[in-house]
Amino acid sequence: MAEEPDNLILRLLREIREKLDEQSDRFAAIDRRFDRLEKRFDEMRGYMNHALGMGMTGHLKNEEQDTRQEDCESRQKQMEELFR
């Protein structure tokens, strides 16, 4: 004998609910993975900003040192010319 329509509908609804529960669990796992990835990217962004800042600081200090050296060389030449 064929299943009664009410029982068939209930069985199909249960199967659908079961699949939805499985999908919800999968999406929750994917959300956790994305959260971890976002955290890692934020950390990497911080490290890169720090590294770029350190590199820029070093570059600026080198420029300042070059300017000072050029000033010293210029003064030395002026003094040499004065005492010739």
C-alpha atoms as a PDB file:
ATOM      1  CA  MET A   1       0.000   0.000   0.000  1.00  0.00           C
ATOM      2  CA  ALA A   2       1.269   3.478  -0.835  1.00  0.00           C
ATOM      3  CA  GLU A   3       2.212   5.831   1.938  1.00  0.00           C
ATOM      4  CA  GLU A   4      -0.419   8.235   3.022  1.00  0.00           C
ATOM      5  CA  PRO A   5       0.137  11.778   1.643  1.00  0.00           C
ATOM      6  CA  ASP A   6       0.511  13.301   5.138  1.00  0.00           C
ATOM      7  CA  ASN A   7       3.224  10.831   6.074  1.00  0.00           C
ATOM      8  CA  LEU A   8       5.027  11.397   2.776  1.00  0.00           C
ATOM      9  CA  ILE A   9       5.010  15.149   3.276  1.00  0.00           C
ATOM     10  CA  LEU A  10       6.246  14.819   6.857  1.00  0.00           C
ATOM     11  CA  ARG A  11       9.047  12.505   5.760  1.00  0.00           C
ATOM     12  CA  LEU A  12      10.113  14.914   3.024  1.00  0.00           C
ATOM     13  CA  LEU A  13      10.004  17.846   5.444  1.00  0.00           C
ATOM     14  CA  ARG A  14      12.172  15.932   7.914  1.00  0.00           C
ATOM     15  CA  GLU A  15      14.684  15.156   5.176  1.00  0.00           C
ATOM     16  CA  ILE A  16      14.740  18.805   4.150  1.00  0.00           C
ATOM     17  CA  ARG A  17      15.219  19.895   7.773  1.00  0.00           C
ATOM     18  CA  GLU A  18      18.047  17.381   8.186  1.00  0.00           C
ATOM     19  CA  LYS A  19      19.786  18.714   5.080  1.00  0.00           C
ATOM     20  CA  LEU A  20      19.317  22.286   6.273  1.00  0.00           C
ATOM     21  CA  ASP A  21      20.864  21.377   9.622  1.00  0.00           C
ATOM     22  CA  GLU A  22      23.842  19.838   7.817  1.00  0.00           C
ATOM     23  CA  GLN A  23      24.226  22.938   5.674  1.00  0.00           C
ATOM     24  CA  SER A  24      23.963  25.184   8.724  1.00  0.00           C
ATOM     25  CA  ASP A  25      26.781  23.242  10.386  1.00  0.00           C
ATOM     26  CA  ARG A  26      28.910  23.521   7.255  1.00  0.00           C
ATOM     27  CA  PHE A  27      28.288  27.263   7.001  1.00  0.00           C
ATOM     28  CA  ALA A  28      29.161  27.705  10.675  1.00  0.00           C
ATOM     29  CA  ALA A  29      32.461  25.896  10.074  1.00  0.00           C
ATOM     30  CA  ILE A  30      33.140  28.065   7.026  1.00  0.00           C
ATOM     31  CA  ASP A  31      32.363  31.210   9.044  1.00  0.00           C
ATOM     32  CA  ARG A  32      34.886  30.122  11.696  1.00  0.00           C
ATOM     33  CA  ARG A  33      37.505  29.560   9.013  1.00  0.00           C
ATOM     34  CA  PHE A  34      36.865  33.004   7.524  1.00  0.00           C
ATOM     35  CA  ASP A  35      37.105  34.567  10.979  1.00  0.00           C
ATOM     36  CA  ARG A  36      40.507  32.940  11.485  1.00  0.00           C
ATOM     37  CA  LEU A  37      41.659  34.093   8.040  1.00  0.00           C
ATOM     38  CA  GLU A  38      40.508  37.653   8.705  1.00  0.00           C
ATOM     39  CA  LYS A  39      42.412  37.649  11.977  1.00  0.00           C
ATOM     40  CA  ARG A  40      45.561  36.389  10.259  1.00  0.00           C
ATOM     41  CA  PHE A  41      45.248  39.024   7.517  1.00  0.00           C
ATOM     42  CA  ASP A  42      44.809  41.741  10.134  1.00  0.00           C
ATOM     43  CA  GLU A  43      47.952  40.526  11.898  1.00  0.00           C
ATOM     44  CA  MET A  44      49.876  40.428   8.619  1.00  0.00           C
ATOM     45  CA  ARG A  45      48.660  43.944   7.771  1.00  0.00           C
ATOM     46  CA  GLY A  46      49.986  45.127  11.125  1.00  0.00           C
ATOM     47  CA  TYR A  47      53.349  43.437  10.537  1.00  0.00           C
ATOM     48  CA  MET A  48      53.614  44.919   7.060  1.00  0.00           C
ATOM     49  CA  ASN A  49      52.750  48.409   8.298  1.00  0.00           C
ATOM     50  CA  HIS A  50      55.390  48.056  10.991  1.00  0.00           C
ATOM     51  CA  ALA A  51      57.983  46.810   8.491  1.00  0.00           C
ATOM     52  CA  LEU A  52      57.190  49.607   6.045  1.00  0.00           C
ATOM     53  CA  GLY A  53      57.374  52.142   8.851  1.00  0.00           C
ATOM     54  CA  MET A  54      60.745  50.810   9.944  1.00  0.00           C
ATOM     55  CA  GLY A  55      62.004  50.897   6.360  1.00  0.00           C
ATOM     56  CA  MET A  56      60.794  54.468   5.904  1.00  0.00           C
ATOM     57  CA  THR A  57      62.363  55.529   9.186  1.00  0.00           C
ATOM     58  CA  GLY A  58      65.677  54.038   8.071  1.00  0.00           C
ATOM     59  CA  HIS A  59      65.403  55.762   4.717  1.00  0.00           C
ATOM     60  CA  LEU A  60      64.697  59.143   6.324  1.00  0.00           C
ATOM     61  CA  LYS A  61      67.607  58.727   8.730  1.00  0.00           C
ATOM     62  CA  ASN A  62      69.908  57.901   5.822  1.00  0.00           C
ATOM     63  CA  GLU A  63      68.760  60.997   3.957  1.00  0.00           C
ATOM     64  CA  GLU A  64      69.345  63.111   7.059  1.00  0.00           C
ATOM     65  CA  GLN A  65      72.800  61.580   7.502  1.00  0.00           C
ATOM     66  CA  ASP A  66      73.630  62.235   3.831  1.00  0.00           C
ATOM     67  CA  THR A  67      72.537  65.871   4.198  1.00  0.00           C
ATOM     68  CA  ARG A  68      74.689  66.297   7.305  1.00  0.00           C
ATOM     69  CA  GLN A  69      77.660  64.740   5.559  1.00  0.00           C
ATOM     70  CA  GLU A  70      77.221  67.048   2.569  1.00  0.00           C
ATOM     71  CA  ASP A  71      77.017  70.042   4.933  1.00  0.00           C
ATOM     72  CA  CYS A  72      80.179  68.957   6.719  1.00  0.00           C
ATOM     73  CA  GLU A  73      82.027  68.470   3.435  1.00  0.00           C
ATOM     74  CA  SER A  74      80.851  71.884   2.243  1.00  0.00           C
ATOM     75  CA  ARG A  75      82.077  73.553   5.461  1.00  0.00           C
ATOM     76  CA  GLN A  76      85.365  71.692   5.234  1.00  0.00           C
ATOM     77  CA  LYS A  77      85.921  72.990   1.698  1.00  0.00           C
ATOM     78  CA  GLN A  78      85.045  76.528   2.822  1.00  0.00           C
ATOM     79  CA  MET A  79      87.545  76.291   5.674  1.00  0.00           C
ATOM     80  CA  GLU A  80      90.223  74.870   3.400  1.00  0.00           C
ATOM     81  CA  GLU A  81      89.697  77.777   1.001  1.00  0.00           C
ATOM     82  CA  LEU A  82      89.917  80.289   3.849  1.00  0.00           C
ATOM     83  CA  PHE A  83      93.222  78.913   5.123  1.00  0.00           C
ATOM     84  CA  ARG A  84      94.968  78.627   1.762  1.00  0.00           C
END
